[in-house]
Structure formats: structure tokens, C-alpha cells
């Protein structure tokens, strides 16, 4: 089963013209309503990009992880990039060479990385 890659934290509806709803977190059931003062540019003018790092990741094992800014720790060249809803963190960038994408998972005080988990959803 392949993962899902979600490109936009904000949504609009033809029924609610002039209003955009932006989620606060990927797992939130609420968001912030923005009333527009002018039309948005055409959202389909270019293809969405999955380059760079996602701002949030959910794994098939149930980890819900958000990108952590500022200083963290590293193992080799892999930074502890995503803090999760457990004692595990996601390290480095997703491996994108196959579907579903994968990423290293380990405790923040781990000494080496060996376990990869499958990514179910990535938010860009």
C-alpha cells in the first residue's frame, strides 16, 4: 500500500467563496478560518512539490510526528528531525526511492539507527 502525500494545510470550497480553512496540525479536527480580501491565485497553475522536508509525517505504525525547528541531536549525518507522539523520533529525510516512503525511527538518545518505518502520510 502506498503512502499519501498531502500538499496543502489550507482548503477552500466553492460553497464558501472568499473563505479558506487552514488546519493548525495535521491531526486537528479544527482550524483557522481566513476571510479573503481578494481572490487566491489559481491553485492548479503548477504541480505541487514533494521536494524538501514534510512539515508532518504519520507512519503506518501510528507515529504522529512534526518537524522540529532549532537545534536537535544527530547520529552520523541524520538529524532528529521529527518529534513524535511517543519516545521515538524520526531521523533524517524520507527515503523516496520506493513506495511507500520510509524513514529511520529511534529514541532521541539512540546511539545508532537501524529501524526504518513506512510513511503512511506526509504533509508538505
Protein backbone atom coordinates (compact mmCIF):
# COMPACT_ATOMS: atom_id res chain seq x y z
CA UNK A 1 0.00 0.00 0.00
CA UNK A 2 1.42 3.37 -0.99
CA UNK A 3 1.58 6.40 1.21
CA UNK A 4 -0.40 9.61 0.79
CA UNK A 5 1.33 12.90 0.24
CA UNK A 6 -0.74 15.95 1.16
CA UNK A 7 0.42 19.25 -0.21
CA UNK A 8 -1.70 21.92 1.40
CA UNK A 9 -2.58 22.71 5.01
CA UNK A 10 -5.29 25.10 3.74
CA UNK A 11 -8.51 24.32 1.89
CA UNK A 12 -11.32 26.22 0.25
CA UNK A 13 -14.74 25.24 -1.03
CA UNK A 14 -16.79 26.63 -3.92
CA UNK A 15 -19.72 26.82 -1.48
CA UNK A 16 -17.78 29.16 0.84
CA UNK A 17 -16.33 31.64 -1.62
CA UNK A 18 -13.86 34.05 -0.11
CA UNK A 19 -13.09 31.78 2.88
CA UNK A 20 -10.12 29.47 3.44
CA UNK A 21 -9.75 26.98 6.31
CA UNK A 22 -6.21 26.15 7.46
CA UNK A 23 -5.52 23.29 9.84
CA UNK A 24 -3.39 24.00 12.89
CA UNK A 25 -1.94 20.49 12.90
CA UNK A 26 -2.48 17.53 10.61
CA UNK A 27 -4.41 15.67 13.31
CA UNK A 28 -6.59 18.55 14.43
CA UNK A 29 -10.35 18.50 13.86
CA UNK A 30 -10.39 22.28 13.77
CA UNK A 31 -8.58 25.08 12.04
CA UNK A 32 -8.33 28.78 11.45
CA UNK A 33 -10.84 30.44 9.14
CA UNK A 34 -9.39 33.16 6.93
CA UNK A 35 -11.72 35.59 5.15
CA UNK A 36 -10.03 36.68 1.94
CA UNK A 37 -9.92 40.28 0.73
CA UNK A 38 -9.22 39.19 -2.88
CA UNK A 39 -9.19 36.01 -4.96
CA UNK A 40 -6.44 33.47 -4.49
CA UNK A 41 -4.20 32.68 -7.47
CA UNK A 42 -5.06 29.57 -9.48
CA UNK A 43 -4.08 26.64 -7.22
CA UNK A 44 -3.54 24.38 -10.21
CA UNK A 45 -1.11 26.69 -12.04
CA UNK A 46 1.83 24.42 -11.18
CA UNK A 47 2.36 20.92 -9.91
CA UNK A 48 2.75 20.53 -6.14
CA UNK A 49 6.24 19.66 -4.98
CA UNK A 50 7.35 16.89 -2.67
CA UNK A 51 10.91 18.19 -2.56
CA UNK A 52 12.26 19.35 0.75
CA UNK A 53 11.14 18.03 4.11
CA UNK A 54 7.48 17.47 5.03
CA UNK A 55 6.16 19.55 7.94
CA UNK A 56 4.46 16.48 9.42
CA UNK A 57 4.60 12.69 8.98
CA UNK A 58 2.36 9.83 10.11
CA UNK A 59 3.69 6.29 9.92
CA UNK A 60 1.82 3.05 9.33
CA UNK A 61 2.75 2.08 12.91
CA UNK A 62 0.79 5.08 14.26
CA UNK A 63 3.57 7.58 14.99
CA UNK A 64 2.38 11.18 14.52
CA UNK A 65 5.42 13.39 14.08
CA UNK A 66 6.02 17.07 13.46
CA UNK A 67 9.14 18.76 12.13
CA UNK A 68 11.24 20.23 14.94
CA UNK A 69 13.00 23.53 14.27
CA UNK A 70 16.11 24.66 16.09
CA UNK A 71 18.90 22.52 17.47
CA UNK A 72 18.40 18.79 17.94
CA UNK A 73 20.81 15.86 18.09
CA UNK A 74 22.25 13.80 15.23
CA UNK A 75 23.55 10.32 14.60
CA UNK A 76 26.11 10.48 11.83
CA UNK A 77 24.60 12.71 9.16
CA UNK A 78 21.00 12.09 10.22
CA UNK A 79 19.38 14.78 12.37
CA UNK A 80 16.50 14.09 14.78
CA UNK A 81 14.04 15.96 12.51
CA UNK A 82 10.61 14.89 13.77
CA UNK A 83 9.33 14.71 17.32
CA UNK A 84 6.57 12.11 17.67
CA UNK A 85 3.69 11.17 19.96
CA UNK A 86 5.91 8.58 21.66
CA UNK A 87 9.50 8.27 22.83
CA UNK A 88 10.60 7.70 19.23
CA UNK A 89 11.79 10.35 16.81
CA UNK A 90 12.13 10.25 13.03
CA UNK A 91 15.66 10.82 11.79
CA UNK A 92 16.88 12.44 8.58
CA UNK A 93 14.79 12.75 5.44
CA UNK A 94 12.35 10.22 3.98
CA UNK A 95 13.76 7.57 1.66
CA UNK A 96 11.80 8.30 -1.53
CA UNK A 97 13.18 5.64 -3.88
CA UNK A 98 10.26 3.27 -3.31
CA UNK A 99 6.59 3.36 -2.28
CA UNK A 100 5.72 3.76 0.47
CA UNK A 101 8.47 6.12 1.56
CA UNK A 102 10.44 5.10 4.64
CA UNK A 103 12.39 6.92 7.38
CA UNK A 104 14.56 5.94 10.33
CA UNK A 105 12.86 5.80 13.76
CA UNK A 106 14.67 5.67 17.10
CA UNK A 107 14.67 7.20 20.57
CA UNK A 108 16.25 10.65 20.81
CA UNK A 109 19.11 9.18 22.89
CA UNK A 110 19.82 6.31 20.46
CA UNK A 111 23.44 5.62 19.51
CA UNK A 112 22.75 4.11 16.08
CA UNK A 113 19.95 3.90 13.54
CA UNK A 114 18.76 0.53 12.26
CA UNK A 115 14.93 0.57 12.24
CA UNK A 116 13.07 2.06 9.28
CA UNK A 117 9.31 2.68 9.36
CA UNK A 118 6.89 3.11 6.46
CA UNK A 119 5.33 6.54 5.97
CA UNK A 120 1.55 6.50 5.62
CA UNK A 121 1.01 10.25 5.15
CA UNK A 122 3.37 13.20 4.63
CA UNK A 123 2.19 16.82 4.75
CA UNK A 124 4.03 19.44 2.67
